[in-house]
N, C-alpha and C. Protein backbone atom coordinates (compact mmCIF):
# COMPACT_ATOMS: atom_id res chain seq x y z
N UNK A 1 0.79 -1.26 0.05
CA UNK A 1 0.15 0.35 -0.14
C UNK A 1 1.21 0.94 0.01
N UNK A 2 0.83 2.03 -0.77
CA UNK A 2 1.32 3.50 -1.04
C UNK A 2 1.20 4.02 0.32
N UNK A 3 2.21 4.70 0.50
CA UNK A 3 2.11 5.71 1.89
C UNK A 3 2.40 7.22 1.77
N UNK A 4 2.07 7.17 0.17
CA UNK A 4 2.07 8.52 -0.50
C UNK A 4 1.40 8.49 -1.56
N UNK A 5 0.50 9.59 -1.63
CA UNK A 5 -0.44 9.77 -2.59
C UNK A 5 -0.46 11.14 -2.80
N UNK A 6 -0.93 11.76 -4.18
CA UNK A 6 -0.65 13.08 -4.45
C UNK A 6 -1.74 12.99 -5.42
N UNK A 7 -2.25 13.73 -5.71
CA UNK A 7 -3.31 13.96 -7.33
C UNK A 7 -3.62 15.73 -7.41
N UNK A 8 -3.13 16.02 -8.65
CA UNK A 8 -3.31 17.49 -8.96
C UNK A 8 -3.73 17.56 -10.31
N UNK A 9 -4.84 18.54 -10.01
CA UNK A 9 -5.66 18.72 -11.44
C UNK A 9 -4.78 19.96 -12.58
N UNK A 10 -4.67 19.30 -13.69
CA UNK A 10 -3.45 20.26 -14.83
C UNK A 10 -3.68 21.25 -15.88
N UNK A 11 -5.40 20.74 -15.89
CA UNK A 11 -6.12 21.44 -16.99
C UNK A 11 -5.31 21.63 -18.58
N UNK A 12 -5.31 20.51 -18.98
CA UNK A 12 -4.44 20.71 -19.96
C UNK A 12 -4.73 19.69 -20.85
N UNK A 13 -4.59 19.37 -22.09
CA UNK A 13 -5.11 18.49 -23.27
C UNK A 13 -4.50 17.35 -22.53
N UNK A 14 -4.86 16.19 -22.81
CA UNK A 14 -4.10 14.79 -22.47
C UNK A 14 -2.47 14.87 -23.04
N UNK A 15 -2.26 15.16 -24.14
CA UNK A 15 -1.38 15.01 -24.81
C UNK A 15 -0.61 15.88 -24.24
N UNK A 16 -0.87 17.14 -24.11
CA UNK A 16 0.31 18.33 -23.16
C UNK A 16 0.57 17.60 -21.35
N UNK A 17 -0.28 16.92 -21.08
CA UNK A 17 -0.04 16.22 -19.67
C UNK A 17 0.65 15.34 -19.77
N UNK A 18 1.08 14.40 -21.08
CA UNK A 18 1.54 13.68 -21.35
C UNK A 18 3.10 14.69 -21.22
N UNK A 19 3.38 14.92 -22.35
CA UNK A 19 4.97 15.95 -22.18
C UNK A 19 5.22 16.54 -21.00
N UNK A 20 3.97 16.70 -19.87
CA UNK A 20 4.43 17.51 -18.86
C UNK A 20 5.07 16.43 -17.75
N UNK A 21 4.30 15.02 -17.82
CA UNK A 21 5.00 14.08 -17.29
C UNK A 21 6.28 13.61 -17.53
N UNK A 22 6.43 13.40 -18.89
CA UNK A 22 7.85 13.26 -19.18
C UNK A 22 8.89 14.56 -18.83
N UNK A 23 8.71 15.98 -18.47
CA UNK A 23 9.02 16.64 -17.96
C UNK A 23 9.56 16.54 -16.06
N UNK A 24 8.60 15.88 -15.57
CA UNK A 24 8.39 15.57 -14.10
C UNK A 24 9.27 14.32 -13.82
N UNK A 25 9.22 13.74 -14.89
CA UNK A 25 10.18 12.76 -14.81
C UNK A 25 11.56 12.90 -14.50
N UNK A 26 12.23 13.75 -15.91
CA UNK A 26 13.18 14.14 -16.13
C UNK A 26 13.80 14.79 -14.38
N UNK A 27 12.85 15.76 -14.10
CA UNK A 27 13.39 16.62 -12.77
C UNK A 27 13.67 15.68 -12.06
N UNK A 28 12.67 14.67 -11.54
CA UNK A 28 12.41 13.34 -10.45
C UNK A 28 13.86 12.58 -10.72
N UNK A 29 14.03 12.51 -11.42
CA UNK A 29 15.66 11.81 -11.69
C UNK A 29 16.83 12.55 -11.91
N UNK A 30 16.73 13.83 -12.00
CA UNK A 30 17.52 14.73 -11.57
C UNK A 30 17.63 15.01 -10.08
N UNK A 31 16.84 15.07 -9.83
CA UNK A 31 16.51 15.37 -8.08
C UNK A 31 17.36 13.91 -7.28
N UNK A 32 16.78 12.87 -7.68
CA UNK A 32 17.16 11.19 -7.42
C UNK A 32 18.64 11.34 -7.33
N UNK A 33 18.78 11.33 -8.69
CA UNK A 33 20.05 10.75 -9.56
C UNK A 33 20.60 9.55 -9.38
N UNK A 34 21.50 9.03 -9.13
CA UNK A 34 21.50 7.29 -8.81
C UNK A 34 20.60 6.63 -8.14
N UNK A 35 19.94 7.24 -7.44
CA UNK A 35 18.78 6.44 -6.65
C UNK A 35 17.76 5.82 -7.65
N UNK A 36 17.76 6.42 -8.54
CA UNK A 36 16.42 6.26 -10.04
C UNK A 36 17.29 4.74 -10.42
N UNK A 37 16.61 4.09 -10.52
CA UNK A 37 17.42 2.56 -11.20
C UNK A 37 16.50 2.14 -12.46
N UNK A 38 15.51 2.76 -12.67
CA UNK A 38 14.83 1.64 -13.56
C UNK A 38 13.52 2.69 -13.57
N UNK A 39 13.58 3.37 -14.98
CA UNK A 39 12.19 3.72 -15.59
C UNK A 39 11.56 3.15 -16.57
N UNK A 40 9.93 2.88 -16.20
CA UNK A 40 8.95 1.84 -16.87
C UNK A 40 8.11 2.68 -17.81
N UNK A 41 8.54 3.23 -18.98
CA UNK A 41 6.85 3.69 -19.21
C UNK A 41 5.78 3.03 -19.72
N UNK A 42 4.58 3.45 -19.83
CA UNK A 42 3.08 2.55 -20.38
C UNK A 42 3.75 3.02 -21.38
N UNK A 43 2.94 2.05 -22.85
CA UNK A 43 2.82 2.33 -24.17
C UNK A 43 2.32 3.42 -24.40
N UNK A 44 1.12 4.03 -23.84
CA UNK A 44 0.73 5.44 -24.47
C UNK A 44 1.71 6.30 -23.54
N UNK A 45 2.37 6.59 -23.24
CA UNK A 45 2.93 7.17 -22.49
C UNK A 45 2.48 8.06 -21.25
N UNK A 46 1.20 7.48 -21.07
CA UNK A 46 0.50 8.67 -19.91
C UNK A 46 0.92 8.19 -18.43
N UNK A 47 1.44 6.82 -17.92
CA UNK A 47 2.18 6.15 -16.72
C UNK A 47 3.26 5.85 -17.14
N UNK A 48 3.77 6.06 -15.81
CA UNK A 48 5.24 5.40 -15.64
C UNK A 48 5.56 5.38 -13.85
N UNK A 49 6.57 4.34 -14.32
CA UNK A 49 6.68 3.99 -12.56
C UNK A 49 8.52 3.91 -12.63
N UNK A 50 9.14 4.46 -11.64
CA UNK A 50 10.42 4.71 -11.13
C UNK A 50 10.67 4.00 -10.25
N UNK A 51 11.43 3.04 -9.87
CA UNK A 51 11.94 2.70 -8.76
C UNK A 51 13.20 2.62 -8.47
N UNK A 52 13.75 2.24 -7.12
CA UNK A 52 15.45 2.13 -7.26
C UNK A 52 15.46 1.27 -5.55
N UNK A 53 16.86 1.24 -4.91
CA UNK A 53 16.17 0.46 -3.93
C UNK A 53 15.72 1.30 -3.20
N UNK A 54 14.64 0.24 -2.39
CA UNK A 54 13.54 0.97 -1.09
C UNK A 54 12.67 1.26 -1.82
N UNK A 55 12.44 2.10 -2.52
CA UNK A 55 11.13 2.85 -3.21
C UNK A 55 10.62 2.76 -4.91
N UNK A 56 9.61 2.97 -4.94
CA UNK A 56 8.81 2.90 -6.18
C UNK A 56 7.91 4.08 -5.97
N UNK A 57 7.80 4.49 -7.41
CA UNK A 57 7.15 5.50 -7.63
C UNK A 57 6.00 5.50 -9.13
N UNK A 58 4.81 5.44 -8.57
CA UNK A 58 4.02 5.68 -9.97
C UNK A 58 3.42 7.04 -10.13
N UNK A 59 3.65 7.24 -11.57
CA UNK A 59 2.71 8.55 -12.10
C UNK A 59 1.94 8.51 -12.99
N UNK A 60 0.71 9.20 -13.07
CA UNK A 60 -0.01 8.73 -14.54
C UNK A 60 -0.73 9.67 -14.72
N UNK A 61 -0.80 10.12 -16.30
CA UNK A 61 -2.02 11.58 -16.56
C UNK A 61 -3.19 10.81 -16.54
N UNK A 62 -4.42 11.87 -16.63
CA UNK A 62 -5.50 11.34 -17.52
C UNK A 62 -5.59 12.21 -18.12
N UNK A 63 -7.16 12.84 -18.21
CA UNK A 63 -7.56 13.85 -18.86
C UNK A 63 -8.00 15.17 -17.66
N UNK A 64 -7.77 14.67 -16.43
CA UNK A 64 -8.38 15.99 -15.93
C UNK A 64 -7.08 15.94 -14.76
N UNK A 65 -5.83 15.44 -14.76
CA UNK A 65 -5.11 15.24 -13.56
C UNK A 65 -3.76 14.07 -13.68
N UNK A 66 -3.23 14.50 -13.14
CA UNK A 66 -1.88 13.59 -12.34
C UNK A 66 -1.90 13.01 -11.65
N UNK A 67 -1.44 11.86 -11.25
CA UNK A 67 -1.66 10.97 -9.93
C UNK A 67 -0.41 10.59 -9.65
N UNK A 68 -0.09 10.73 -8.68
CA UNK A 68 1.18 10.31 -8.03
C UNK A 68 1.02 9.16 -6.83
N UNK A 69 1.63 7.96 -6.65
CA UNK A 69 1.86 7.26 -5.16
C UNK A 69 2.77 6.62 -5.64
N UNK A 70 3.50 6.76 -3.71
CA UNK A 70 5.01 6.69 -3.96
C UNK A 70 5.03 5.22 -2.66
N UNK A 71 5.59 4.09 -3.21
CA UNK A 71 5.89 3.45 -1.63
C UNK A 71 7.31 3.53 -1.36
N UNK A 72 7.81 3.77 -0.17
CA UNK A 72 8.84 3.98 0.20
C UNK A 72 9.39 3.59 1.48
N UNK A 73 9.07 1.99 1.79
CA UNK A 73 8.99 1.22 2.74
C UNK A 73 10.59 1.48 3.30
N UNK A 74 11.40 1.43 2.85
CA UNK A 74 13.06 1.20 2.86
C UNK A 74 13.38 2.88 3.25
N UNK A 75 12.60 3.40 3.31
CA UNK A 75 13.01 5.30 3.47
C UNK A 75 12.29 5.55 4.32
N UNK A 76 11.62 4.92 4.97
CA UNK A 76 10.63 5.71 5.92
C UNK A 76 11.58 6.73 7.05
N UNK A 77 12.66 7.01 7.35
CA UNK A 77 13.17 7.11 8.09
C UNK A 77 13.79 8.83 7.55
N UNK A 78 14.90 9.22 7.57
CA UNK A 78 15.41 10.38 7.31
C UNK A 78 15.41 11.12 6.06
N UNK A 79 15.05 10.04 4.79
CA UNK A 79 14.68 10.55 3.37
C UNK A 79 13.40 10.57 2.80
N UNK A 80 12.38 9.92 3.96
CA UNK A 80 11.38 9.36 2.99
C UNK A 80 10.08 11.20 3.34
N UNK A 81 10.18 12.24 4.21
CA UNK A 81 10.01 13.25 4.20
C UNK A 81 10.42 14.38 3.29
N UNK A 82 12.05 14.34 3.05
CA UNK A 82 12.64 15.42 2.22
C UNK A 82 12.22 14.52 0.47
N UNK A 83 11.78 13.42 0.48
CA UNK A 83 11.33 12.70 -1.04
C UNK A 83 9.74 13.08 -0.93
N UNK A 84 9.38 13.06 -0.11
CA UNK A 84 7.43 13.32 -0.80
C UNK A 84 7.55 15.22 -0.98
N UNK A 85 8.40 15.74 0.12
CA UNK A 85 8.45 16.89 -0.26
C UNK A 85 8.86 17.44 -1.98
N UNK A 86 10.00 17.00 -2.11
CA UNK A 86 10.29 17.23 -3.43
C UNK A 86 9.56 16.19 -4.57
N UNK A 87 9.01 15.08 -4.49
CA UNK A 87 7.73 15.12 -5.68
C UNK A 87 6.55 15.82 -5.33
N UNK A 88 6.31 16.57 -4.34
CA UNK A 88 4.63 17.38 -4.37
C UNK A 88 5.47 18.34 -5.12
N UNK A 89 6.70 19.38 -4.72
CA UNK A 89 7.07 20.38 -5.13
C UNK A 89 6.94 20.23 -7.35
N UNK A 90 7.99 19.00 -7.46
CA UNK A 90 7.67 18.82 -8.64
C UNK A 90 6.75 18.89 -9.46
N UNK A 91 5.65 17.75 -9.16
CA UNK A 91 4.69 17.70 -9.50
C UNK A 91 3.66 19.37 -9.64
N UNK A 92 3.72 19.91 -8.95
CA UNK A 92 2.65 20.99 -8.44
C UNK A 92 3.61 22.26 -9.66
N UNK A 93 4.90 22.02 -9.26
CA UNK A 93 5.57 22.96 -10.48
C UNK A 93 5.06 22.91 -12.17
N UNK A 94 5.62 21.13 -12.17
CA UNK A 94 5.29 20.79 -13.68
C UNK A 94 3.85 21.23 -14.42
N UNK A 95 3.04 20.98 -13.65
CA UNK A 95 1.41 20.89 -13.88
C UNK A 95 0.38 21.98 -13.50
N UNK A 96 1.46 22.54 -12.36
CA UNK A 96 -0.10 23.27 -12.30
C UNK A 96 0.23 25.07 -13.01
N UNK A 97 -0.92 25.09 -13.81
CA UNK A 97 -0.61 26.52 -14.76
C UNK A 97 -0.66 27.60 -14.12
N UNK A 98 0.30 28.63 -14.62
CA UNK A 98 0.46 29.81 -13.52
C UNK A 98 -0.68 30.67 -14.54
N UNK A 99 -0.84 31.90 -13.85
CA UNK A 99 -1.15 32.92 -14.41
C UNK A 99 -0.64 34.30 -14.78
N UNK A 100 -0.71 34.75 -16.01
CA UNK A 100 0.10 35.25 -17.08
C UNK A 100 0.27 36.55 -15.89
């Protein structure tokens, strides 16, 4: 059972949301560096699973929102809080539209 769930409305077309999902994955990979050992995309590129030692993060977009779930059993100590905060920040910055 995931220890962390987040849903953010994106207000974009599904194609735009897929593009933003790709950007979010790159930001997560940059933030976590070598901790991310595997990235598996769905055939339609609307869902992705990132995994490494002690964690698994699933991200998917639909017509209305981006959904993130993370299972962080081995990171229950010091790294869990910063990882959750980082994921939340990346998803919100990537998907929420800013007012002009």
